[in-house]
Amino acid sequence: MYQATKVVIITEMSILERVAEVIEAQGATGYTHSTAGGKGSRGKRSAGRGAQVAGLRQNVKIETIVANHDIAEAVIEAVAAAFFEHYSGIAYVEPVEILRPHKFKV
């Protein structure tokens, strides 16, 4: 097993593609996203197709694994600077153990 860092960003679905561009520009080799719902300082958000049909705002959870904490910090700072003043969002990092480190430039 190899050490790496996972970055998790939860934000508005409407900016997914733009956030993904920032993530990759900071050195991440890829990402995974899924719809997310919950409640926070900006109110309740529903997840899933029903929310989309009803016209409710959806959140997205974006995860990426990067080689080290420095890259993770660069990703979070760039995303926060670009989006979190005008869109809801939260970001955090977690240490992870991975297989196939060449996939993450470890």
C-alpha atoms as a PDB file:
ATOM      1  CA  MET A   1       0.000   0.000   0.000  1.00  0.00           C
ATOM      2  CA  TYR A   2       1.077   3.558  -0.702  1.00  0.00           C
ATOM      3  CA  GLN A   3       0.254   6.828   1.052  1.00  0.00           C
ATOM      4  CA  ALA A   4      -1.731   9.491  -0.810  1.00  0.00           C
ATOM      5  CA  THR A   5      -4.280  12.200  -0.024  1.00  0.00           C
ATOM      6  CA  LYS A   6      -7.969  12.270  -0.916  1.00  0.00           C
ATOM      7  CA  VAL A   7      -9.613  15.631  -1.564  1.00  0.00           C
ATOM      8  CA  VAL A   8     -13.383  15.883  -1.134  1.00  0.00           C
ATOM      9  CA  ILE A   9     -15.302  18.890  -2.414  1.00  0.00           C
ATOM     10  CA  ILE A  10     -19.050  19.270  -1.959  1.00  0.00           C
ATOM     11  CA  THR A  11     -20.549  22.105  -3.955  1.00  0.00           C
ATOM     12  CA  GLU A  12     -23.304  23.039  -6.379  1.00  0.00           C
ATOM     13  CA  MET A  13     -23.922  20.776  -9.379  1.00  0.00           C
ATOM     14  CA  SER A  14     -24.121  23.799 -11.676  1.00  0.00           C
ATOM     15  CA  ILE A  15     -20.368  24.394 -11.403  1.00  0.00           C
ATOM     16  CA  LEU A  16     -19.180  20.778 -11.614  1.00  0.00           C
ATOM     17  CA  GLU A  17     -17.348  21.112 -14.935  1.00  0.00           C
ATOM     18  CA  ARG A  18     -15.613  24.323 -13.915  1.00  0.00           C
ATOM     19  CA  VAL A  19     -14.517  22.854 -10.587  1.00  0.00           C
ATOM     20  CA  ALA A  20     -13.211  19.764 -12.401  1.00  0.00           C
ATOM     21  CA  GLU A  21     -11.080  21.979 -14.654  1.00  0.00           C
ATOM     22  CA  VAL A  22      -9.526  23.650 -11.608  1.00  0.00           C
ATOM     23  CA  ILE A  23      -8.875  20.280  -9.952  1.00  0.00           C
ATOM     24  CA  GLU A  24      -7.046  18.964 -13.003  1.00  0.00           C
ATOM     25  CA  ALA A  25      -5.129  22.227 -13.466  1.00  0.00           C
ATOM     26  CA  GLN A  26      -3.657  21.742  -9.982  1.00  0.00           C
ATOM     27  CA  GLY A  27      -2.220  18.328 -10.843  1.00  0.00           C
ATOM     28  CA  ALA A  28      -4.936  15.775 -10.126  1.00  0.00           C
ATOM     29  CA  THR A  29      -5.049  12.976 -12.688  1.00  0.00           C
ATOM     30  CA  GLY A  30      -8.814  12.454 -12.423  1.00  0.00           C
ATOM     31  CA  TYR A  31     -11.838  12.659 -10.169  1.00  0.00           C
ATOM     32  CA  THR A  32     -15.113  10.961  -9.285  1.00  0.00           C
ATOM     33  CA  HIS A  33     -18.390  12.757  -8.691  1.00  0.00           C
ATOM     34  CA  SER A  34     -21.827  11.828  -7.411  1.00  0.00           C
ATOM     35  CA  THR A  35     -24.966  13.723  -6.497  1.00  0.00           C
ATOM     36  CA  ALA A  36     -25.200  14.749  -2.871  1.00  0.00           C
ATOM     37  CA  GLY A  37     -27.930  16.026  -0.611  1.00  0.00           C
ATOM     38  CA  GLY A  38     -28.000  17.361   2.897  1.00  0.00           C
ATOM     39  CA  LYS A  39     -28.396  20.443   5.027  1.00  0.00           C
ATOM     40  CA  GLY A  40     -25.940  23.200   5.786  1.00  0.00           C
ATOM     41  CA  SER A  41     -25.563  26.928   6.255  1.00  0.00           C
ATOM     42  CA  ARG A  42     -27.248  27.594   2.904  1.00  0.00           C
ATOM     43  CA  GLY A  43     -30.257  25.395   3.603  1.00  0.00           C
ATOM     44  CA  LYS A  44     -31.394  21.938   2.523  1.00  0.00           C
ATOM     45  CA  ARG A  45     -30.352  20.361  -0.763  1.00  0.00           C
ATOM     46  CA  SER A  46     -32.009  17.307  -2.247  1.00  0.00           C
ATOM     47  CA  ALA A  47     -30.221  14.669  -4.298  1.00  0.00           C
ATOM     48  CA  GLY A  48     -31.369  12.555  -7.192  1.00  0.00           C
ATOM     49  CA  ARG A  49     -33.531  12.848 -10.270  1.00  0.00           C
ATOM     50  CA  GLY A  50     -36.647  13.937  -8.356  1.00  0.00           C
ATOM     51  CA  ALA A  51     -34.884  17.069  -7.132  1.00  0.00           C
ATOM     52  CA  GLN A  52     -33.748  17.915 -10.632  1.00  0.00           C
ATOM     53  CA  VAL A  53     -37.241  17.517 -12.088  1.00  0.00           C
ATOM     54  CA  ALA A  54     -38.719  19.622  -9.288  1.00  0.00           C
ATOM     55  CA  GLY A  55     -36.240  22.392 -10.093  1.00  0.00           C
ATOM     56  CA  LEU A  56     -34.448  22.149  -6.754  1.00  0.00           C
ATOM     57  CA  ARG A  57     -30.770  22.882  -6.577  1.00  0.00           C
ATOM     58  CA  GLN A  58     -28.542  19.850  -6.374  1.00  0.00           C
ATOM     59  CA  ASN A  59     -25.147  19.408  -4.810  1.00  0.00           C
ATOM     60  CA  VAL A  60     -22.317  17.274  -6.061  1.00  0.00           C
ATOM     61  CA  LYS A  61     -19.591  15.472  -4.153  1.00  0.00           C
ATOM     62  CA  ILE A  62     -16.294  15.437  -6.041  1.00  0.00           C
ATOM     63  CA  GLU A  63     -13.433  13.230  -4.884  1.00  0.00           C
ATOM     64  CA  THR A  64      -9.902  13.058  -6.178  1.00  0.00           C
ATOM     65  CA  ILE A  65      -6.806  11.280  -4.948  1.00  0.00           C
ATOM     66  CA  VAL A  66      -3.532  13.134  -5.283  1.00  0.00           C
ATOM     67  CA  ALA A  67       0.067  12.252  -4.622  1.00  0.00           C
ATOM     68  CA  ASN A  68       0.565  14.336  -1.500  1.00  0.00           C
ATOM     69  CA  HIS A  69      -0.792  16.943   0.882  1.00  0.00           C
ATOM     70  CA  ASP A  70       0.819  19.853  -1.002  1.00  0.00           C
ATOM     71  CA  ILE A  71      -1.171  19.064  -4.152  1.00  0.00           C
ATOM     72  CA  ALA A  72      -4.320  18.564  -2.069  1.00  0.00           C
ATOM     73  CA  GLU A  73      -3.846  21.957  -0.467  1.00  0.00           C
ATOM     74  CA  ALA A  74      -3.318  23.576  -3.885  1.00  0.00           C
ATOM     75  CA  VAL A  75      -6.543  21.983  -5.167  1.00  0.00           C
ATOM     76  CA  ILE A  76      -8.623  23.147  -2.206  1.00  0.00           C
ATOM     77  CA  GLU A  77      -7.205  26.666  -2.199  1.00  0.00           C
ATOM     78  CA  ALA A  78      -7.767  27.082  -5.960  1.00  0.00           C
ATOM     79  CA  VAL A  79     -11.343  25.775  -5.809  1.00  0.00           C
ATOM     80  CA  ALA A  80     -12.185  27.901  -2.766  1.00  0.00           C
ATOM     81  CA  ALA A  81     -10.727  31.043  -4.330  1.00  0.00           C
ATOM     82  CA  ALA A  82     -12.543  30.507  -7.616  1.00  0.00           C
ATOM     83  CA  PHE A  83     -15.983  29.487  -6.331  1.00  0.00           C
ATOM     84  CA  PHE A  84     -16.743  29.537  -2.614  1.00  0.00           C
ATOM     85  CA  GLU A  85     -17.464  33.262  -2.365  1.00  0.00           C
ATOM     86  CA  HIS A  86     -20.429  32.930  -4.737  1.00  0.00           C
ATOM     87  CA  TYR A  87     -21.428  29.243  -4.479  1.00  0.00           C
ATOM     88  CA  SER A  88     -22.012  26.934  -1.553  1.00  0.00           C
ATOM     89  CA  GLY A  89     -19.113  24.624  -0.892  1.00  0.00           C
ATOM     90  CA  ILE A  90     -16.989  22.751   1.561  1.00  0.00           C
ATOM     91  CA  ALA A  91     -13.727  20.906   1.081  1.00  0.00           C
ATOM     92  CA  TYR A  92     -11.598  18.601   3.184  1.00  0.00           C
ATOM     93  CA  VAL A  93      -8.712  16.166   2.861  1.00  0.00           C
ATOM     94  CA  GLU A  94      -8.095  12.695   4.222  1.00  0.00           C
ATOM     95  CA  PRO A  95      -4.993  10.517   4.216  1.00  0.00           C
ATOM     96  CA  VAL A  96      -5.593   7.321   2.252  1.00  0.00           C
ATOM     97  CA  GLU A  97      -3.708   4.177   1.337  1.00  0.00           C
ATOM     98  CA  ILE A  98      -3.805   3.183  -2.308  1.00  0.00           C
ATOM     99  CA  LEU A  99      -2.760   0.490  -4.719  1.00  0.00           C
ATOM    100  CA  ARG A 100      -1.312   1.327  -8.137  1.00  0.00           C
ATOM    101  CA  PRO A 101       0.426   4.573  -7.185  1.00  0.00           C
ATOM    102  CA  HIS A 102       1.369   5.286 -10.806  1.00  0.00           C
ATOM    103  CA  LYS A 103      -2.291   6.235 -11.380  1.00  0.00           C
ATOM    104  CA  PHE A 104      -1.891   9.175  -8.988  1.00  0.00           C
ATOM    105  CA  LYS A 105       1.687  10.268  -9.736  1.00  0.00           C
ATOM    106  CA  VAL A 106       2.838   9.241  -6.238  1.00  0.00           C
END
